[in-house]
Amino acid sequence: MRGNQSDVTEFILRGFRILYPFQIGPFVLVLLTYFTTVAGNTLIIVTILIDRGLHTPMYFFLGNLSFLDIWYTSNIVPKMLQGFLAEKGVVISFSGCVTQLYIFGSQAATEILLLTVMAYDRYLAICNPLRYTALMNARVCVELASFSWLGGFLFNPVIMTTFIFTLPYCGPNRINHFFCDLPPLLKLACTDTYRNEVAIYTISVTFIMVPFLLILVSYVRILQAILSIPSAAGRSKAFSTCSSHLIVVTLFFGSGIVTYLRPRSSYSLNTDKLLSLFYSVVSPMLNPLIYSLRNKEVKEALRRVMARKIFI
């Protein structure tokens, strides 16, 4: 995957250089955020596995999402924490940078597909309640989850990584970011990257916007179905089953679209770093909180699991 003209054997992640004099505060904050992310998502996974009341398609996909979020943030945070304590930046090998970008792209693509599948699940549950059990059976759930993982790891990130690391890198090797991301790596290539940027932008638009539009269509149909429910209590109950997912979709796609799909002339690496911090560190921490605090079934299951552990 590496181009023959590349002389660079390693990169230096500059991270948040402006924060270095005050590095202890950000280091502790990100570390606590990471621990909260791992603990919160692990608790969601364990609760879903233990509590039979959550053995439904919606929570099966939520368990997949929680597992992905643990892996997602674990790919980024370790090097980021090193960066807070390293005055001159963190060294990452060429192959390490390739691996980090590929894993990051794969995880982002998988999350996009999982969120799309979860929207489809909610569409069937609310718009086709009588056929829901037959349409979303265990085999279909496994197939949809497998499609999300395989599709996320095999298509989009492979193309993206190839477009980036077949470019020649023969000069500057300082990445103005806290991980190996697309925009700062393109800036370091010692050749015209216009065609690569157009190709990456086209693929990104397709891969992000098609699932986003499918989710949007699903929620339009869901909203129509909810509004047709005669009782206010029925409408509230139906909306509560998809409100958490809708919030997570808004946070994830909102930050992703602003980061990767805005015009090239408006790029600002400092702004990109803050947005990347949100969807790679903050969002995975918020997801279990959103699903637990806004979902009555999850809260009750958590109480049952915690009570079981206390009395064992």
C-alpha atoms as a PDB file:
ATOM      1  CA  MET A   1       0.000   0.000   0.000  1.00  0.00           C
ATOM      2  CA  ARG A   2       2.944   2.266   0.494  1.00  0.00           C
ATOM      3  CA  GLY A   3       4.152   4.247  -2.553  1.00  0.00           C
ATOM      4  CA  ASN A   4       7.678   3.683  -3.904  1.00  0.00           C
ATOM      5  CA  GLN A   5       8.512   7.403  -3.729  1.00  0.00           C
ATOM      6  CA  SER A   6       7.799   7.770  -0.019  1.00  0.00           C
ATOM      7  CA  ASP A   7      10.872   8.586   2.049  1.00  0.00           C
ATOM      8  CA  VAL A   8       8.967   9.144   5.289  1.00  0.00           C
ATOM      9  CA  THR A   9       9.204   6.173   7.658  1.00  0.00           C
ATOM     10  CA  GLU A  10       7.354   7.751  10.583  1.00  0.00           C
ATOM     11  CA  PHE A  11       5.028  10.611  11.411  1.00  0.00           C
ATOM     12  CA  ILE A  12       4.791  12.912  14.425  1.00  0.00           C
ATOM     13  CA  LEU A  13       1.316  13.572  15.832  1.00  0.00           C
ATOM     14  CA  ARG A  14       1.339  17.138  17.105  1.00  0.00           C
ATOM     15  CA  GLY A  15      -1.984  16.837  18.919  1.00  0.00           C
ATOM     16  CA  PHE A  16      -3.145  19.886  20.862  1.00  0.00           C
ATOM     17  CA  ARG A  17       0.195  21.674  21.056  1.00  0.00           C
ATOM     18  CA  ILE A  18      -1.405  24.877  22.374  1.00  0.00           C
ATOM     19  CA  LEU A  19      -2.465  22.993  25.525  1.00  0.00           C
ATOM     20  CA  TYR A  20       0.990  21.644  26.403  1.00  0.00           C
ATOM     21  CA  PRO A  21       1.697  24.121  29.277  1.00  0.00           C
ATOM     22  CA  PHE A  22      -1.567  22.931  30.876  1.00  0.00           C
ATOM     23  CA  GLN A  23      -1.309  19.289  29.793  1.00  0.00           C
ATOM     24  CA  ILE A  24      -2.229  17.633  33.099  1.00  0.00           C
ATOM     25  CA  GLY A  25      -5.806  18.947  33.118  1.00  0.00           C
ATOM     26  CA  PRO A  26      -6.695  17.791  29.568  1.00  0.00           C
ATOM     27  CA  PHE A  27      -4.836  14.508  30.146  1.00  0.00           C
ATOM     28  CA  VAL A  28      -6.893  13.694  33.252  1.00  0.00           C
ATOM     29  CA  LEU A  29     -10.148  14.816  31.576  1.00  0.00           C
ATOM     30  CA  VAL A  30      -9.626  12.635  28.487  1.00  0.00           C
ATOM     31  CA  LEU A  31      -8.490   9.701  30.645  1.00  0.00           C
ATOM     32  CA  LEU A  32     -11.629   9.939  32.786  1.00  0.00           C
ATOM     33  CA  THR A  33     -13.745  10.245  29.638  1.00  0.00           C
ATOM     34  CA  TYR A  34     -12.107   7.103  28.262  1.00  0.00           C
ATOM     35  CA  PHE A  35     -12.671   5.131  31.469  1.00  0.00           C
ATOM     36  CA  THR A  36     -16.301   6.305  31.520  1.00  0.00           C
ATOM     37  CA  THR A  37     -16.730   5.234  27.896  1.00  0.00           C
ATOM     38  CA  VAL A  38     -15.319   1.752  28.493  1.00  0.00           C
ATOM     39  CA  ALA A  39     -17.233   1.277  31.773  1.00  0.00           C
ATOM     40  CA  GLY A  40     -20.541   2.625  30.426  1.00  0.00           C
ATOM     41  CA  ASN A  41     -20.513   0.621  27.200  1.00  0.00           C
ATOM     42  CA  THR A  42     -19.334  -2.527  29.010  1.00  0.00           C
ATOM     43  CA  LEU A  43     -22.204  -2.141  31.488  1.00  0.00           C
ATOM     44  CA  ILE A  44     -24.672  -1.838  28.591  1.00  0.00           C
ATOM     45  CA  ILE A  45     -23.271  -4.999  26.955  1.00  0.00           C
ATOM     46  CA  VAL A  46     -23.324  -7.003  30.209  1.00  0.00           C
ATOM     47  CA  THR A  47     -26.864  -5.841  31.008  1.00  0.00           C
ATOM     48  CA  ILE A  48     -28.108  -6.866  27.562  1.00  0.00           C
ATOM     49  CA  LEU A  49     -26.454 -10.284  27.886  1.00  0.00           C
ATOM     50  CA  ILE A  50     -27.753 -10.976  31.399  1.00  0.00           C
ATOM     51  CA  ASP A  51     -31.263  -9.524  31.349  1.00  0.00           C
ATOM     52  CA  ARG A  52     -33.642 -11.600  29.222  1.00  0.00           C
ATOM     53  CA  GLY A  53     -36.003  -8.658  28.919  1.00  0.00           C
ATOM     54  CA  LEU A  54     -33.466  -7.016  26.621  1.00  0.00           C
ATOM     55  CA  HIS A  55     -33.068 -10.038  24.318  1.00  0.00           C
ATOM     56  CA  THR A  56     -34.739  -8.210  21.437  1.00  0.00           C
ATOM     57  CA  PRO A  57     -33.427  -6.977  18.051  1.00  0.00           C
ATOM     58  CA  MET A  58     -33.159  -3.356  19.198  1.00  0.00           C
ATOM     59  CA  TYR A  59     -30.877  -4.228  22.112  1.00  0.00           C
ATOM     60  CA  PHE A  60     -28.938  -6.784  20.077  1.00  0.00           C
ATOM     61  CA  PHE A  61     -27.920  -3.947  17.744  1.00  0.00           C
ATOM     62  CA  LEU A  62     -27.302  -1.643  20.724  1.00  0.00           C
ATOM     63  CA  GLY A  63     -24.885  -4.228  22.136  1.00  0.00           C
ATOM     64  CA  ASN A  64     -23.022  -4.231  18.821  1.00  0.00           C
ATOM     65  CA  LEU A  65     -22.885  -0.436  18.892  1.00  0.00           C
ATOM     66  CA  SER A  66     -21.543  -0.405  22.462  1.00  0.00           C
ATOM     67  CA  PHE A  67     -18.825  -2.927  21.597  1.00  0.00           C
ATOM     68  CA  LEU A  68     -17.891  -0.831  18.559  1.00  0.00           C
ATOM     69  CA  ASP A  69     -17.691   2.366  20.641  1.00  0.00           C
ATOM     70  CA  ILE A  70     -15.220   0.747  23.061  1.00  0.00           C
ATOM     71  CA  TRP A  71     -12.986  -0.268  20.171  1.00  0.00           C
ATOM     72  CA  TYR A  72     -13.546   3.043  18.379  1.00  0.00           C
ATOM     73  CA  THR A  73     -12.273   5.233  21.184  1.00  0.00           C
ATOM     74  CA  SER A  74      -9.489   2.757  22.115  1.00  0.00           C
ATOM     75  CA  ASN A  75      -7.968   3.247  18.664  1.00  0.00           C
ATOM     76  CA  ILE A  76      -7.583   6.993  19.221  1.00  0.00           C
ATOM     77  CA  VAL A  77      -7.187   7.763  22.923  1.00  0.00           C
ATOM     78  CA  PRO A  78      -3.842   6.045  23.806  1.00  0.00           C
ATOM     79  CA  LYS A  79      -1.791   8.109  21.326  1.00  0.00           C
ATOM     80  CA  MET A  80      -3.814  11.171  22.226  1.00  0.00           C
ATOM     81  CA  LEU A  81      -2.942  10.775  25.919  1.00  0.00           C
ATOM     82  CA  GLN A  82       0.738  10.386  25.027  1.00  0.00           C
ATOM     83  CA  GLY A  83       0.477  13.614  23.048  1.00  0.00           C
ATOM     84  CA  PHE A  84      -0.608  15.597  26.104  1.00  0.00           C
ATOM     85  CA  LEU A  85       2.612  14.565  27.881  1.00  0.00           C
ATOM     86  CA  ALA A  86       5.042  14.830  24.936  1.00  0.00           C
ATOM     87  CA  GLU A  87       6.302  18.342  24.273  1.00  0.00           C
ATOM     88  CA  LYS A  88       7.479  17.582  20.729  1.00  0.00           C
ATOM     89  CA  GLY A  89       4.595  15.315  19.717  1.00  0.00           C
ATOM     90  CA  VAL A  90       4.102  11.563  19.521  1.00  0.00           C
ATOM     91  CA  VAL A  91       5.975   9.416  17.005  1.00  0.00           C
ATOM     92  CA  ILE A  92       3.941   6.879  15.027  1.00  0.00           C
ATOM     93  CA  SER A  93       5.448   4.619  12.381  1.00  0.00           C
ATOM     94  CA  PHE A  94       4.315   4.717   8.757  1.00  0.00           C
ATOM     95  CA  SER A  95       2.699   1.287   9.119  1.00  0.00           C
ATOM     96  CA  GLY A  96       1.187   2.331  12.462  1.00  0.00           C
ATOM     97  CA  CYS A  97      -0.365   5.369  10.804  1.00  0.00           C
ATOM     98  CA  VAL A  98      -1.768   3.184   7.998  1.00  0.00           C
ATOM     99  CA  THR A  99      -3.254   0.814  10.568  1.00  0.00           C
ATOM    100  CA  GLN A 100      -4.759   3.571  12.701  1.00  0.00           C
ATOM    101  CA  LEU A 101      -6.386   5.273   9.708  1.00  0.00           C
ATOM    102  CA  TYR A 102      -7.759   1.966   8.401  1.00  0.00           C
ATOM    103  CA  ILE A 103      -9.200   0.969  11.788  1.00  0.00           C
ATOM    104  CA  PHE A 104     -10.655   4.444  12.318  1.00  0.00           C
ATOM    105  CA  GLY A 105     -12.289   4.414   8.876  1.00  0.00           C
ATOM    106  CA  SER A 106     -13.575   0.867   9.383  1.00  0.00           C
ATOM    107  CA  GLN A 107     -15.106   1.696  12.743  1.00  0.00           C
ATOM    108  CA  ALA A 108     -16.730   4.875  11.442  1.00  0.00           C
ATOM    109  CA  ALA A 109     -18.151   3.002   8.435  1.00  0.00           C
ATOM    110  CA  THR A 110     -19.429   0.187  10.658  1.00  0.00           C
ATOM    111  CA  GLU A 111     -21.123   2.685  12.970  1.00  0.00           C
ATOM    112  CA  ILE A 112     -22.824   4.330   9.985  1.00  0.00           C
ATOM    113  CA  LEU A 113     -24.173   0.956   8.839  1.00  0.00           C
ATOM    114  CA  LEU A 114     -25.207  -0.099  12.360  1.00  0.00           C
ATOM    115  CA  LEU A 115     -27.112   3.156  12.910  1.00  0.00           C
ATOM    116  CA  THR A 116     -28.840   2.621   9.550  1.00  0.00           C
ATOM    117  CA  VAL A 117     -29.810  -0.941  10.498  1.00  0.00           C
ATOM    118  CA  MET A 118     -31.105   0.304  13.857  1.00  0.00           C
ATOM    119  CA  ALA A 119     -33.269   2.876  12.060  1.00  0.00           C
ATOM    120  CA  TYR A 120     -34.668   0.077   9.851  1.00  0.00           C
ATOM    121  CA  ASP A 121     -35.411  -1.944  12.977  1.00  0.00           C
ATOM    122  CA  ARG A 122     -37.350   0.953  14.500  1.00  0.00           C
ATOM    123  CA  TYR A 123     -39.190   1.475  11.222  1.00  0.00           C
ATOM    124  CA  LEU A 124     -40.382  -2.147  11.197  1.00  0.00           C
ATOM    125  CA  ALA A 125     -41.308  -2.078  14.906  1.00  0.00           C
ATOM    126  CA  ILE A 126     -43.454   1.046  14.615  1.00  0.00           C
ATOM    127  CA  CYS A 127     -44.758   0.882  11.038  1.00  0.00           C
ATOM    128  CA  ASN A 128     -45.230  -2.901  10.781  1.00  0.00           C
ATOM    129  CA  PRO A 129     -45.798  -4.066  14.386  1.00  0.00           C
ATOM    130  CA  LEU A 130     -47.839  -7.146  13.441  1.00  0.00           C
ATOM    131  CA  ARG A 131     -45.132  -8.505  11.129  1.00  0.00           C
ATOM    132  CA  TYR A 132     -42.156  -7.239  13.169  1.00  0.00           C
ATOM    133  CA  THR A 133     -41.320 -10.543  14.884  1.00  0.00           C
ATOM    134  CA  ALA A 134     -41.359 -12.422  11.580  1.00  0.00           C
ATOM    135  CA  LEU A 135     -39.420  -9.796   9.637  1.00  0.00           C
ATOM    136  CA  MET A 136     -36.768  -9.124  12.317  1.00  0.00           C
ATOM    137  CA  ASN A 137     -36.068 -12.644  13.544  1.00  0.00           C
ATOM    138  CA  ALA A 138     -32.773 -13.846  15.035  1.00  0.00           C
ATOM    139  CA  ARG A 139     -31.323 -14.914  11.680  1.00  0.00           C
ATOM    140  CA  VAL A 140     -32.082 -11.546  10.080  1.00  0.00           C
ATOM    141  CA  CYS A 141     -30.539  -9.713  13.049  1.00  0.00           C
ATOM    142  CA  VAL A 142     -27.297 -11.686  12.754  1.00  0.00           C
ATOM    143  CA  GLU A 143     -27.215 -11.140   8.986  1.00  0.00           C
ATOM    144  CA  LEU A 144     -27.740  -7.372   9.320  1.00  0.00           C
ATOM    145  CA  ALA A 145     -25.103  -7.073  12.052  1.00  0.00           C
ATOM    146  CA  SER A 146     -22.643  -9.163  10.003  1.00  0.00           C
ATOM    147  CA  PHE A 147     -23.314  -7.002   6.958  1.00  0.00           C
ATOM    148  CA  SER A 148     -22.564  -3.872   9.012  1.00  0.00           C
ATOM    149  CA  TRP A 149     -19.248  -5.215  10.318  1.00  0.00           C
ATOM    150  CA  LEU A 150     -18.059  -6.766   7.052  1.00  0.00           C
ATOM    151  CA  GLY A 151     -19.246  -3.831   4.947  1.00  0.00           C
ATOM    152  CA  GLY A 152     -17.572  -1.384   7.319  1.00  0.00           C
ATOM    153  CA  PHE A 153     -14.210  -3.157   7.288  1.00  0.00           C
ATOM    154  CA  LEU A 154     -13.955  -4.337   3.684  1.00  0.00           C
ATOM    155  CA  PHE A 155     -15.057  -1.559   1.331  1.00  0.00           C
ATOM    156  CA  ASN A 156     -14.859   2.129   2.168  1.00  0.00           C
ATOM    157  CA  PRO A 157     -11.795   2.193   4.505  1.00  0.00           C
ATOM    158  CA  VAL A 158      -9.722   0.012   2.146  1.00  0.00           C
ATOM    159  CA  ILE A 159     -10.310   2.453  -0.714  1.00  0.00           C
ATOM    160  CA  MET A 160      -9.687   5.499   1.479  1.00  0.00           C
ATOM    161  CA  THR A 161      -6.474   4.140   2.964  1.00  0.00           C
ATOM    162  CA  THR A 162      -5.206   3.175  -0.490  1.00  0.00           C
ATOM    163  CA  PHE A 163      -5.884   6.663  -1.860  1.00  0.00           C
ATOM    164  CA  ILE A 164      -3.928   8.198   1.032  1.00  0.00           C
ATOM    165  CA  PHE A 165      -0.909   5.941   1.401  1.00  0.00           C
ATOM    166  CA  THR A 166      -0.134   5.444  -2.291  1.00  0.00           C
ATOM    167  CA  LEU A 167       0.752   9.149  -2.309  1.00  0.00           C
ATOM    168  CA  PRO A 168       4.463  10.012  -1.968  1.00  0.00           C
ATOM    169  CA  TYR A 169       5.567  11.410   1.406  1.00  0.00           C
ATOM    170  CA  CYS A 170       9.059  12.769   1.042  1.00  0.00           C
ATOM    171  CA  GLY A 171       9.294  15.852   3.237  1.00  0.00           C
ATOM    172  CA  PRO A 172       7.385  17.132   6.295  1.00  0.00           C
ATOM    173  CA  ASN A 173       6.124  14.401   8.595  1.00  0.00           C
ATOM    174  CA  ARG A 174       4.385  16.409  11.335  1.00  0.00           C
ATOM    175  CA  ILE A 175       0.649  15.710  11.390  1.00  0.00           C
ATOM    176  CA  ASN A 176      -1.309  18.613  12.818  1.00  0.00           C
ATOM    177  CA  HIS A 177      -3.776  16.295  14.548  1.00  0.00           C
ATOM    178  CA  PHE A 178      -4.005  13.829  17.444  1.00  0.00           C
ATOM    179  CA  PHE A 179      -4.437  10.811  15.131  1.00  0.00           C
ATOM    180  CA  CYS A 180      -3.832   9.856  11.492  1.00  0.00           C
ATOM    181  CA  ASP A 181      -6.802  11.428   9.718  1.00  0.00           C
ATOM    182  CA  LEU A 182      -7.481  12.168   6.051  1.00  0.00           C
ATOM    183  CA  PRO A 183      -7.214  15.997   5.742  1.00  0.00           C
ATOM    184  CA  PRO A 184      -3.871  16.491   7.573  1.00  0.00           C
ATOM    185  CA  LEU A 185      -2.283  13.520   5.767  1.00  0.00           C
ATOM    186  CA  LEU A 186      -3.295  14.940   2.382  1.00  0.00           C
ATOM    187  CA  LYS A 187      -1.550  18.185   3.288  1.00  0.00           C
ATOM    188  CA  LEU A 188       1.758  16.336   3.856  1.00  0.00           C
ATOM    189  CA  ALA A 189       1.904  14.583   0.473  1.00  0.00           C
ATOM    190  CA  CYS A 190       4.607  15.992  -1.818  1.00  0.00           C
ATOM    191  CA  THR A 191       2.463  15.923  -4.960  1.00  0.00           C
ATOM    192  CA  ASP A 192      -0.769  17.371  -6.267  1.00  0.00           C
ATOM    193  CA  THR A 193      -3.565  15.640  -4.335  1.00  0.00           C
ATOM    194  CA  TYR A 194      -6.531  17.142  -6.198  1.00  0.00           C
ATOM    195  CA  ARG A 195      -7.626  13.879  -7.853  1.00  0.00           C
ATOM    196  CA  ASN A 196      -7.266  11.979  -4.606  1.00  0.00           C
ATOM    197  CA  GLU A 197      -9.303  14.594  -2.771  1.00  0.00           C
ATOM    198  CA  VAL A 198     -12.063  14.482  -5.398  1.00  0.00           C
ATOM    199  CA  ALA A 199     -12.169  10.673  -5.230  1.00  0.00           C
ATOM    200  CA  ILE A 200     -12.195  10.630  -1.415  1.00  0.00           C
ATOM    201  CA  TYR A 201     -14.854  13.358  -1.275  1.00  0.00           C
ATOM    202  CA  THR A 202     -17.056  11.504  -3.773  1.00  0.00           C
ATOM    203  CA  ILE A 203     -16.777   8.209  -1.895  1.00  0.00           C
ATOM    204  CA  SER A 204     -17.387   9.947   1.444  1.00  0.00           C
ATOM    205  CA  VAL A 205     -20.484  11.731   0.153  1.00  0.00           C
ATOM    206  CA  THR A 206     -21.863   8.463  -1.184  1.00  0.00           C
ATOM    207  CA  PHE A 207     -21.059   6.365   1.863  1.00  0.00           C
ATOM    208  CA  ILE A 208     -22.280   8.931   4.398  1.00  0.00           C
ATOM    209  CA  MET A 209     -25.235  10.467   2.610  1.00  0.00           C
ATOM    210  CA  VAL A 210     -26.908   7.314   1.274  1.00  0.00           C
ATOM    211  CA  PRO A 211     -27.273   5.764   4.778  1.00  0.00           C
ATOM    212  CA  PHE A 212     -28.201   9.181   6.180  1.00  0.00           C
ATOM    213  CA  LEU A 213     -30.986   9.551   3.613  1.00  0.00           C
ATOM    214  CA  LEU A 214     -32.215   6.018   4.354  1.00  0.00           C
ATOM    215  CA  ILE A 215     -32.360   6.906   8.058  1.00  0.00           C
ATOM    216  CA  LEU A 216     -34.141  10.164   7.220  1.00  0.00           C
ATOM    217  CA  VAL A 217     -36.753   8.360   5.111  1.00  0.00           C
ATOM    218  CA  SER A 218     -37.234   5.792   7.891  1.00  0.00           C
ATOM    219  CA  TYR A 219     -37.902   8.516  10.439  1.00  0.00           C
ATOM    220  CA  VAL A 220     -40.296  10.355   8.137  1.00  0.00           C
ATOM    221  CA  ARG A 221     -42.323   7.150   7.888  1.00  0.00           C
ATOM    222  CA  ILE A 222     -41.959   6.580  11.646  1.00  0.00           C
ATOM    223  CA  LEU A 223     -43.193  10.107  12.386  1.00  0.00           C
ATOM    224  CA  GLN A 224     -46.190   9.609  10.103  1.00  0.00           C
ATOM    225  CA  ALA A 225     -47.031   6.345  11.871  1.00  0.00           C
ATOM    226  CA  ILE A 226     -46.667   7.910  15.337  1.00  0.00           C
ATOM    227  CA  LEU A 227     -48.885  10.865  14.448  1.00  0.00           C
ATOM    228  CA  SER A 228     -51.598   8.461  13.279  1.00  0.00           C
ATOM    229  CA  ILE A 229     -51.787   6.842  16.746  1.00  0.00           C
ATOM    230  CA  PRO A 230     -55.005   8.167  18.359  1.00  0.00           C
ATOM    231  CA  SER A 231     -53.906   8.328  22.014  1.00  0.00           C
ATOM    232  CA  ALA A 232     -51.246  10.678  23.409  1.00  0.00           C
ATOM    233  CA  ALA A 233     -49.916   7.882  25.624  1.00  0.00           C
ATOM    234  CA  GLY A 234     -49.516   5.626  22.593  1.00  0.00           C
ATOM    235  CA  ARG A 235     -47.678   8.322  20.640  1.00  0.00           C
ATOM    236  CA  SER A 236     -45.367   8.997  23.595  1.00  0.00           C
ATOM    237  CA  LYS A 237     -44.570   5.302  24.052  1.00  0.00           C
ATOM    238  CA  ALA A 238     -43.859   4.806  20.348  1.00  0.00           C
ATOM    239  CA  PHE A 239     -41.605   7.856  20.159  1.00  0.00           C
ATOM    240  CA  SER A 240     -39.693   6.856  23.300  1.00  0.00           C
ATOM    241  CA  THR A 241     -38.539   3.644  21.604  1.00  0.00           C
ATOM    242  CA  CYS A 242     -36.658   5.577  18.928  1.00  0.00           C
ATOM    243  CA  SER A 243     -35.770   8.926  20.536  1.00  0.00           C
ATOM    244  CA  SER A 244     -32.416   7.705  21.917  1.00  0.00           C
ATOM    245  CA  HIS A 245     -31.360   6.384  18.513  1.00  0.00           C
ATOM    246  CA  LEU A 246     -32.432   9.640  16.865  1.00  0.00           C
ATOM    247  CA  ILE A 247     -30.232  11.673  19.261  1.00  0.00           C
ATOM    248  CA  VAL A 248     -27.211   9.402  18.635  1.00  0.00           C
ATOM    249  CA  VAL A 249     -27.728   9.651  14.855  1.00  0.00           C
ATOM    250  CA  THR A 250     -27.919  13.441  15.039  1.00  0.00           C
ATOM    251  CA  LEU A 251     -24.716  13.721  17.076  1.00  0.00           C
ATOM    252  CA  PHE A 252     -22.717  11.245  14.963  1.00  0.00           C
ATOM    253  CA  PHE A 253     -23.820  12.299  11.480  1.00  0.00           C
ATOM    254  CA  GLY A 254     -23.881  15.997  12.359  1.00  0.00           C
ATOM    255  CA  SER A 255     -20.234  16.102  13.426  1.00  0.00           C
ATOM    256  CA  GLY A 256     -19.158  13.739  10.610  1.00  0.00           C
ATOM    257  CA  ILE A 257     -20.860  15.719   7.850  1.00  0.00           C
ATOM    258  CA  VAL A 258     -19.435  19.019   9.095  1.00  0.00           C
ATOM    259  CA  THR A 259     -15.931  17.509   9.323  1.00  0.00           C
ATOM    260  CA  TYR A 260     -15.660  15.622   6.043  1.00  0.00           C
ATOM    261  CA  LEU A 261     -18.273  16.968   3.637  1.00  0.00           C
ATOM    262  CA  ARG A 262     -17.874  20.713   3.873  1.00  0.00           C
ATOM    263  CA  PRO A 263     -16.092  22.601   1.030  1.00  0.00           C
ATOM    264  CA  ARG A 264     -12.277  22.427   0.904  1.00  0.00           C
ATOM    265  CA  SER A 265     -11.981  26.232   1.167  1.00  0.00           C
ATOM    266  CA  SER A 266     -13.550  26.187   4.636  1.00  0.00           C
ATOM    267  CA  TYR A 267     -11.204  23.553   6.133  1.00  0.00           C
ATOM    268  CA  SER A 268      -9.563  24.472   9.407  1.00  0.00           C
ATOM    269  CA  LEU A 269      -7.420  21.813  11.060  1.00  0.00           C
ATOM    270  CA  ASN A 270      -7.990  23.310  14.517  1.00  0.00           C
ATOM    271  CA  THR A 271     -11.751  23.138  13.987  1.00  0.00           C
ATOM    272  CA  ASP A 272     -11.411  19.613  12.618  1.00  0.00           C
ATOM    273  CA  LYS A 273      -9.483  18.541  15.699  1.00  0.00           C
ATOM    274  CA  LEU A 274     -12.265  19.747  17.985  1.00  0.00           C
ATOM    275  CA  LEU A 275     -14.930  18.021  15.878  1.00  0.00           C
ATOM    276  CA  SER A 276     -12.841  14.838  15.770  1.00  0.00           C
ATOM    277  CA  LEU A 277     -12.482  15.010  19.540  1.00  0.00           C
ATOM    278  CA  PHE A 278     -16.254  15.083  19.814  1.00  0.00           C
ATOM    279  CA  TYR A 279     -17.103  12.082  17.620  1.00  0.00           C
ATOM    280  CA  SER A 280     -14.082   9.946  18.577  1.00  0.00           C
ATOM    281  CA  VAL A 281     -13.969  10.595  22.350  1.00  0.00           C
ATOM    282  CA  VAL A 282     -17.083  12.400  23.602  1.00  0.00           C
ATOM    283  CA  SER A 283     -19.779  10.707  21.496  1.00  0.00           C
ATOM    284  CA  PRO A 284     -18.824   7.115  22.481  1.00  0.00           C
ATOM    285  CA  MET A 285     -19.088   8.217  26.121  1.00  0.00           C
ATOM    286  CA  LEU A 286     -22.492   9.854  25.593  1.00  0.00           C
ATOM    287  CA  ASN A 287     -24.105   6.944  23.728  1.00  0.00           C
ATOM    288  CA  PRO A 288     -24.597   4.628  26.764  1.00  0.00           C
ATOM    289  CA  LEU A 289     -25.770   7.598  28.849  1.00  0.00           C
ATOM    290  CA  ILE A 290     -28.323   8.562  26.193  1.00  0.00           C
ATOM    291  CA  TYR A 291     -29.647   5.016  25.883  1.00  0.00           C
ATOM    292  CA  SER A 292     -29.769   4.411  29.637  1.00  0.00           C
ATOM    293  CA  LEU A 293     -31.147   7.757  30.789  1.00  0.00           C
ATOM    294  CA  ARG A 294     -33.825   8.057  28.107  1.00  0.00           C
ATOM    295  CA  ASN A 295     -34.883   4.406  27.961  1.00  0.00           C
ATOM    296  CA  LYS A 296     -37.142   2.995  30.668  1.00  0.00           C
ATOM    297  CA  GLU A 297     -36.440  -0.636  29.730  1.00  0.00           C
ATOM    298  CA  VAL A 298     -32.662  -0.167  29.994  1.00  0.00           C
ATOM    299  CA  LYS A 299     -32.955   1.647  33.329  1.00  0.00           C
ATOM    300  CA  GLU A 300     -35.131  -1.117  34.777  1.00  0.00           C
ATOM    301  CA  ALA A 301     -32.782  -3.803  33.437  1.00  0.00           C
ATOM    302  CA  LEU A 302     -29.788  -1.997  34.961  1.00  0.00           C
ATOM    303  CA  ARG A 303     -31.570  -1.944  38.342  1.00  0.00           C
ATOM    304  CA  ARG A 304     -32.311  -5.670  38.098  1.00  0.00           C
ATOM    305  CA  VAL A 305     -28.713  -6.509  37.152  1.00  0.00           C
ATOM    306  CA  MET A 306     -27.249  -4.332  39.911  1.00  0.00           C
ATOM    307  CA  ALA A 307     -29.672  -5.801  42.484  1.00  0.00           C
ATOM    308  CA  ARG A 308     -28.723  -9.310  41.368  1.00  0.00           C
ATOM    309  CA  LYS A 309     -25.035  -8.547  41.856  1.00  0.00           C
ATOM    310  CA  ILE A 310     -25.661  -7.056  45.290  1.00  0.00           C
ATOM    311  CA  PHE A 311     -27.539 -10.115  46.545  1.00  0.00           C
ATOM    312  CA  ILE A 312     -25.185 -12.712  45.046  1.00  0.00           C
END
